[in-house]
């Protein structure tokens, strides 16, 4: 019986170590994202609040705050297989947006992380 708690802790530790690797496919680096944006083959989605977006955003980004994703379907592409790149300030909201968009049926959604790590130009409204 003493082995069961140890085994449970080991399984949980392995799960939390492997979880980021399982989600790795939904991440894209700034360099990869820049190339995709320049190709014009994706929708660039900023999921921060409107005031944050106005303070500075990646050129070409559409602002759709995280809490409005389900209600803002008119800003989302009708083609559920279109590539969508998502970012926020740090990457946390972008991760939640990836999950929300996937739940809506979008198949190619990538998390760019946060604009605070974006080494290229940003524009202000």
N, C-alpha and C. Protein backbone atom coordinates (compact mmCIF):
# COMPACT_ATOMS: atom_id res chain seq x y z
N UNK A 1 0.81 -1.21 0.00
CA UNK A 1 0.00 0.00 0.00
C UNK A 1 0.85 1.27 0.00
N UNK A 2 2.04 1.19 0.57
CA UNK A 2 2.90 2.37 0.60
C UNK A 2 3.43 2.71 -0.79
N UNK A 3 3.43 1.74 -1.67
CA UNK A 3 3.93 1.94 -3.02
C UNK A 3 2.95 2.75 -3.88
N UNK A 4 1.66 2.66 -3.60
CA UNK A 4 0.65 3.34 -4.38
C UNK A 4 0.83 4.86 -4.39
N UNK A 5 1.01 5.54 -3.25
CA UNK A 5 1.22 7.00 -3.29
C UNK A 5 2.48 7.39 -4.08
N UNK A 6 3.54 6.61 -3.94
CA UNK A 6 4.77 6.90 -4.67
C UNK A 6 4.54 6.76 -6.17
N UNK A 7 3.84 5.71 -6.55
CA UNK A 7 3.53 5.47 -7.96
C UNK A 7 2.65 6.59 -8.51
N UNK A 8 1.68 7.01 -7.74
CA UNK A 8 0.79 8.09 -8.16
C UNK A 8 1.56 9.39 -8.36
N UNK A 9 2.45 9.72 -7.47
CA UNK A 9 3.28 10.92 -7.59
C UNK A 9 4.15 10.85 -8.85
N UNK A 10 4.72 9.69 -9.13
CA UNK A 10 5.56 9.51 -10.32
C UNK A 10 4.75 9.69 -11.60
N UNK A 11 3.55 9.14 -11.63
CA UNK A 11 2.70 9.27 -12.81
C UNK A 11 2.30 10.72 -13.02
N UNK A 12 1.93 11.42 -11.96
CA UNK A 12 1.56 12.83 -12.07
C UNK A 12 2.75 13.68 -12.51
N UNK A 13 3.92 13.41 -11.97
CA UNK A 13 5.13 14.15 -12.36
C UNK A 13 5.42 13.94 -13.84
N UNK A 14 5.32 12.71 -14.31
CA UNK A 14 5.56 12.41 -15.72
C UNK A 14 4.54 13.13 -16.60
N UNK A 15 3.29 13.16 -16.17
CA UNK A 15 2.24 13.84 -16.93
C UNK A 15 2.57 15.32 -17.10
N UNK A 16 2.96 15.99 -16.01
CA UNK A 16 3.24 17.42 -16.09
C UNK A 16 4.54 17.72 -16.84
N UNK A 17 5.46 16.79 -16.87
CA UNK A 17 6.68 16.97 -17.66
C UNK A 17 6.37 16.80 -19.14
N UNK A 18 5.53 15.85 -19.49
CA UNK A 18 5.22 15.56 -20.89
C UNK A 18 4.15 16.46 -21.48
N UNK A 19 3.32 17.06 -20.68
CA UNK A 19 2.22 17.89 -21.18
C UNK A 19 2.70 19.00 -22.11
N UNK A 20 3.71 19.78 -21.77
CA UNK A 20 4.15 20.83 -22.71
C UNK A 20 4.62 20.26 -24.04
N UNK A 21 5.19 19.09 -24.04
CA UNK A 21 5.64 18.47 -25.29
C UNK A 21 4.45 18.06 -26.15
N UNK A 22 3.37 17.65 -25.52
CA UNK A 22 2.18 17.28 -26.27
C UNK A 22 1.56 18.49 -26.95
N UNK A 23 1.66 19.66 -26.34
CA UNK A 23 1.09 20.88 -26.90
C UNK A 23 2.07 21.64 -27.79
N UNK A 24 3.27 21.12 -27.98
CA UNK A 24 4.30 21.82 -28.73
C UNK A 24 3.87 22.14 -30.15
N UNK A 25 3.07 21.29 -30.75
CA UNK A 25 2.62 21.50 -32.11
C UNK A 25 1.78 22.76 -32.28
N UNK A 26 1.22 23.28 -31.22
CA UNK A 26 0.39 24.47 -31.33
C UNK A 26 1.19 25.76 -31.12
N UNK A 27 2.49 25.65 -30.96
CA UNK A 27 3.34 26.83 -30.77
C UNK A 27 4.08 27.15 -32.05
N UNK A 28 4.37 28.42 -32.24
CA UNK A 28 5.14 28.88 -33.39
C UNK A 28 6.07 30.00 -32.91
N UNK A 29 7.30 29.99 -33.39
CA UNK A 29 8.27 31.01 -32.98
C UNK A 29 7.97 32.34 -33.67
N UNK A 30 8.56 33.40 -33.17
CA UNK A 30 8.38 34.73 -33.77
C UNK A 30 8.88 34.72 -35.21
N UNK A 31 10.00 34.09 -35.46
CA UNK A 31 10.54 34.06 -36.82
C UNK A 31 9.61 33.31 -37.77
N UNK A 32 9.10 32.15 -37.31
CA UNK A 32 8.15 31.39 -38.13
C UNK A 32 6.87 32.19 -38.36
N UNK A 33 6.39 32.84 -37.31
CA UNK A 33 5.17 33.63 -37.40
C UNK A 33 5.34 34.78 -38.39
N UNK A 34 6.47 35.46 -38.34
CA UNK A 34 6.73 36.58 -39.25
C UNK A 34 6.67 36.11 -40.70
N UNK A 35 7.28 34.97 -40.99
CA UNK A 35 7.26 34.43 -42.35
C UNK A 35 5.83 34.09 -42.78
N UNK A 36 5.06 33.50 -41.88
CA UNK A 36 3.67 33.16 -42.20
C UNK A 36 2.82 34.42 -42.42
N UNK A 37 3.05 35.43 -41.60
CA UNK A 37 2.30 36.69 -41.74
C UNK A 37 2.64 37.34 -43.08
N UNK A 38 3.92 37.37 -43.42
CA UNK A 38 4.35 37.99 -44.68
C UNK A 38 3.82 37.23 -45.89
N UNK A 39 3.59 35.93 -45.75
CA UNK A 39 3.06 35.14 -46.86
C UNK A 39 1.59 35.47 -47.13
N UNK A 40 0.90 36.02 -46.12
CA UNK A 40 -0.51 36.36 -46.27
C UNK A 40 -1.45 35.17 -46.18
N UNK A 41 -0.93 34.04 -45.80
CA UNK A 41 -1.74 32.82 -45.75
C UNK A 41 -2.33 32.51 -44.39
N UNK A 42 -2.49 33.53 -43.54
CA UNK A 42 -3.02 33.26 -42.20
C UNK A 42 -3.79 34.47 -41.70
N UNK A 43 -4.58 34.22 -40.68
CA UNK A 43 -5.24 35.30 -39.95
C UNK A 43 -4.43 35.52 -38.69
N UNK A 44 -4.03 36.75 -38.44
CA UNK A 44 -3.28 37.11 -37.24
C UNK A 44 -4.26 37.69 -36.24
N UNK A 45 -4.40 37.03 -35.10
CA UNK A 45 -5.42 37.38 -34.12
C UNK A 45 -4.79 37.82 -32.81
N UNK A 46 -5.08 39.05 -32.40
CA UNK A 46 -4.64 39.61 -31.13
C UNK A 46 -5.80 39.47 -30.16
N UNK A 47 -5.62 38.67 -29.10
CA UNK A 47 -6.73 38.40 -28.18
C UNK A 47 -6.67 39.24 -26.91
N UNK A 48 -5.91 40.34 -26.95
CA UNK A 48 -5.88 41.26 -25.81
C UNK A 48 -7.09 42.19 -25.87
N UNK A 49 -7.29 42.94 -24.81
CA UNK A 49 -8.38 43.91 -24.76
C UNK A 49 -8.10 45.06 -25.73
N UNK A 50 -9.16 45.78 -26.13
CA UNK A 50 -9.05 46.84 -27.14
C UNK A 50 -8.02 47.91 -26.76
N UNK A 51 -7.97 48.28 -25.48
CA UNK A 51 -7.01 49.29 -25.05
C UNK A 51 -5.57 48.82 -25.19
N UNK A 52 -5.33 47.54 -24.91
CA UNK A 52 -4.00 46.98 -25.08
C UNK A 52 -3.62 46.96 -26.56
N UNK A 53 -4.57 46.59 -27.40
CA UNK A 53 -4.35 46.54 -28.84
C UNK A 53 -4.00 47.94 -29.36
N UNK A 54 -4.76 48.93 -28.93
CA UNK A 54 -4.52 50.31 -29.37
C UNK A 54 -3.14 50.81 -28.94
N UNK A 55 -2.64 50.31 -27.82
CA UNK A 55 -1.33 50.73 -27.32
C UNK A 55 -0.17 50.17 -28.12
N UNK A 56 -0.41 49.21 -28.96
CA UNK A 56 0.62 48.62 -29.81
C UNK A 56 0.27 47.21 -30.18
N UNK A 57 0.32 46.91 -31.48
CA UNK A 57 -0.01 45.58 -31.97
C UNK A 57 0.83 45.25 -33.19
N UNK A 58 0.86 43.99 -33.54
CA UNK A 58 1.59 43.54 -34.72
C UNK A 58 0.81 43.99 -35.95
N UNK A 59 1.48 44.61 -36.93
CA UNK A 59 0.78 45.07 -38.13
C UNK A 59 -0.01 43.94 -38.80
N UNK A 60 -1.26 44.26 -39.14
CA UNK A 60 -2.13 43.29 -39.80
C UNK A 60 -2.97 42.47 -38.85
N UNK A 61 -2.77 42.64 -37.55
CA UNK A 61 -3.52 41.85 -36.57
C UNK A 61 -4.96 42.33 -36.45
N UNK A 62 -5.86 41.38 -36.28
CA UNK A 62 -7.26 41.65 -36.00
C UNK A 62 -7.44 41.50 -34.50
N UNK A 63 -8.10 42.47 -33.87
CA UNK A 63 -8.32 42.41 -32.44
C UNK A 63 -9.64 41.73 -32.12
N UNK A 64 -9.55 40.63 -31.38
CA UNK A 64 -10.73 39.91 -30.91
C UNK A 64 -10.40 39.41 -29.51
N UNK A 65 -10.80 40.19 -28.48
CA UNK A 65 -10.47 39.81 -27.11
C UNK A 65 -10.92 38.39 -26.78
N UNK A 66 -10.13 37.75 -25.94
CA UNK A 66 -10.37 36.35 -25.57
C UNK A 66 -11.81 36.09 -25.16
N UNK A 67 -12.37 36.95 -24.33
CA UNK A 67 -13.73 36.70 -23.83
C UNK A 67 -14.81 36.93 -24.89
N UNK A 68 -14.42 37.38 -26.09
CA UNK A 68 -15.39 37.63 -27.15
C UNK A 68 -15.24 36.65 -28.33
N UNK A 69 -14.38 35.66 -28.20
CA UNK A 69 -14.13 34.76 -29.32
C UNK A 69 -15.39 34.06 -29.80
N UNK A 70 -16.17 33.53 -28.89
CA UNK A 70 -17.39 32.83 -29.31
C UNK A 70 -18.40 33.79 -29.93
N UNK A 71 -18.51 34.99 -29.39
CA UNK A 71 -19.47 35.97 -29.90
C UNK A 71 -18.96 36.68 -31.15
N UNK A 72 -17.66 36.68 -31.38
CA UNK A 72 -17.08 37.42 -32.50
C UNK A 72 -16.85 36.59 -33.73
N UNK A 73 -17.72 35.66 -34.00
CA UNK A 73 -17.54 34.74 -35.12
C UNK A 73 -17.42 35.45 -36.46
N UNK A 74 -18.00 36.65 -36.59
CA UNK A 74 -17.93 37.35 -37.88
C UNK A 74 -16.51 37.79 -38.21
N UNK A 75 -15.64 37.89 -37.23
CA UNK A 75 -14.23 38.23 -37.47
C UNK A 75 -13.38 37.00 -37.78
N UNK A 76 -13.94 35.84 -37.55
CA UNK A 76 -13.20 34.59 -37.77
C UNK A 76 -13.47 34.07 -39.17
N UNK A 77 -12.49 33.40 -39.76
CA UNK A 77 -12.69 32.91 -41.12
C UNK A 77 -13.74 31.79 -41.18
N UNK A 78 -14.54 31.77 -42.26
CA UNK A 78 -15.52 30.69 -42.39
C UNK A 78 -14.84 29.35 -42.65
N UNK A 79 -13.65 29.40 -43.24
CA UNK A 79 -12.87 28.19 -43.52
C UNK A 79 -12.20 27.74 -42.22
N UNK A 80 -12.69 26.65 -41.65
CA UNK A 80 -12.18 26.16 -40.37
C UNK A 80 -10.76 25.59 -40.48
N UNK A 81 -10.27 25.41 -41.71
CA UNK A 81 -8.91 24.90 -41.91
C UNK A 81 -7.90 26.01 -42.20
N UNK A 82 -8.33 27.26 -42.18
CA UNK A 82 -7.40 28.38 -42.41
C UNK A 82 -6.48 28.51 -41.20
N UNK A 83 -5.23 28.83 -41.47
CA UNK A 83 -4.26 29.00 -40.40
C UNK A 83 -4.55 30.27 -39.62
N UNK A 84 -4.61 30.15 -38.29
CA UNK A 84 -4.83 31.30 -37.41
C UNK A 84 -3.66 31.36 -36.44
N UNK A 85 -2.98 32.50 -36.41
CA UNK A 85 -1.90 32.75 -35.45
C UNK A 85 -2.46 33.65 -34.36
N UNK A 86 -2.28 33.25 -33.11
CA UNK A 86 -2.87 33.96 -31.98
C UNK A 86 -1.78 34.46 -31.05
N UNK A 87 -1.94 35.70 -30.58
CA UNK A 87 -1.01 36.22 -29.57
C UNK A 87 -1.74 37.11 -28.58
N UNK A 88 -1.08 37.36 -27.46
CA UNK A 88 -1.59 38.28 -26.44
C UNK A 88 -0.39 39.05 -25.89
N UNK A 89 -0.35 39.31 -24.61
CA UNK A 89 0.80 40.00 -24.03
C UNK A 89 1.91 39.02 -23.69
N UNK A 90 1.57 37.94 -23.00
CA UNK A 90 2.59 36.98 -22.54
C UNK A 90 2.47 35.59 -23.16
N UNK A 91 1.32 35.27 -23.72
CA UNK A 91 1.08 33.95 -24.29
C UNK A 91 0.05 33.13 -23.54
N UNK A 92 -0.30 33.56 -22.35
CA UNK A 92 -1.27 32.81 -21.54
C UNK A 92 -2.68 32.88 -22.14
N UNK A 93 -3.16 34.09 -22.43
CA UNK A 93 -4.49 34.22 -23.04
C UNK A 93 -4.51 33.59 -24.43
N UNK A 94 -3.38 33.70 -25.14
CA UNK A 94 -3.29 33.09 -26.47
C UNK A 94 -3.48 31.58 -26.37
N UNK A 95 -2.92 30.97 -25.36
CA UNK A 95 -3.10 29.53 -25.15
C UNK A 95 -4.56 29.17 -24.92
N UNK A 96 -5.25 30.00 -24.14
CA UNK A 96 -6.67 29.76 -23.89
C UNK A 96 -7.49 30.00 -25.16
N UNK A 97 -7.06 30.98 -25.96
CA UNK A 97 -7.74 31.25 -27.22
C UNK A 97 -7.57 30.10 -28.20
N UNK A 98 -6.38 29.49 -28.23
CA UNK A 98 -6.15 28.34 -29.08
C UNK A 98 -7.14 27.23 -28.72
N UNK A 99 -7.32 26.99 -27.45
CA UNK A 99 -8.27 25.96 -27.00
C UNK A 99 -9.70 26.33 -27.40
N UNK A 100 -10.07 27.60 -27.23
CA UNK A 100 -11.43 28.03 -27.57
C UNK A 100 -11.69 27.91 -29.07
N UNK A 101 -10.71 28.30 -29.88
CA UNK A 101 -10.87 28.22 -31.33
C UNK A 101 -10.92 26.76 -31.79
N UNK A 102 -10.11 25.93 -31.18
CA UNK A 102 -10.13 24.50 -31.50
C UNK A 102 -11.50 23.91 -31.15
N UNK A 103 -12.06 24.33 -30.02
CA UNK A 103 -13.39 23.85 -29.63
C UNK A 103 -14.47 24.31 -30.61
N UNK A 104 -14.22 25.44 -31.29
CA UNK A 104 -15.16 25.93 -32.30
C UNK A 104 -14.98 25.23 -33.65
N UNK A 105 -13.98 24.35 -33.72
CA UNK A 105 -13.78 23.56 -34.94
C UNK A 105 -12.62 23.98 -35.81
N UNK A 106 -11.87 24.99 -35.41
CA UNK A 106 -10.71 25.42 -36.21
C UNK A 106 -9.59 24.40 -36.02
N UNK A 107 -8.98 24.01 -37.13
CA UNK A 107 -8.03 22.90 -37.10
C UNK A 107 -6.56 23.33 -37.14
N UNK A 108 -6.30 24.57 -37.55
CA UNK A 108 -4.91 25.03 -37.70
C UNK A 108 -4.70 26.32 -36.91
N UNK A 109 -4.66 26.22 -35.60
CA UNK A 109 -4.50 27.37 -34.72
C UNK A 109 -3.16 27.26 -34.01
N UNK A 110 -2.35 28.31 -34.09
CA UNK A 110 -1.02 28.31 -33.49
C UNK A 110 -0.88 29.45 -32.50
N UNK A 111 -0.24 29.17 -31.39
CA UNK A 111 0.03 30.15 -30.34
C UNK A 111 1.40 30.78 -30.61
N UNK A 112 1.42 32.08 -30.86
CA UNK A 112 2.67 32.81 -31.07
C UNK A 112 3.30 33.26 -29.76
N UNK A 113 2.55 33.14 -28.68
CA UNK A 113 3.05 33.63 -27.40
C UNK A 113 2.63 35.06 -27.18
N UNK A 114 3.55 35.87 -26.64
CA UNK A 114 3.21 37.23 -26.28
C UNK A 114 3.92 38.28 -27.11
N UNK A 115 3.24 39.40 -27.26
CA UNK A 115 3.82 40.52 -28.01
C UNK A 115 5.05 41.07 -27.29
N UNK A 116 5.13 40.82 -25.99
CA UNK A 116 6.30 41.31 -25.25
C UNK A 116 7.59 40.63 -25.73
N UNK A 117 7.48 39.51 -26.43
CA UNK A 117 8.64 38.81 -26.97
C UNK A 117 8.75 38.97 -28.49
N UNK A 118 7.94 39.83 -29.08
CA UNK A 118 7.95 40.04 -30.53
C UNK A 118 9.10 40.99 -30.88
N UNK A 119 10.11 40.52 -31.60
CA UNK A 119 11.29 41.36 -31.86
C UNK A 119 11.16 42.27 -33.08
N UNK A 120 10.00 42.24 -33.75
CA UNK A 120 9.82 43.00 -34.97
C UNK A 120 8.93 44.21 -34.72
N UNK A 121 8.58 44.91 -35.81
CA UNK A 121 7.80 46.14 -35.70
C UNK A 121 6.43 45.91 -35.09
N UNK A 122 5.99 46.93 -34.35
CA UNK A 122 4.61 46.99 -33.88
C UNK A 122 4.09 48.37 -34.23
N UNK A 123 2.77 48.46 -34.40
CA UNK A 123 2.17 49.75 -34.72
C UNK A 123 1.15 50.12 -33.66
N UNK A 124 0.90 51.42 -33.55
CA UNK A 124 -0.07 51.92 -32.58
C UNK A 124 -1.19 52.61 -33.33
N UNK A 125 -2.40 52.55 -32.74
CA UNK A 125 -3.55 53.25 -33.34
C UNK A 125 -3.51 54.71 -33.01
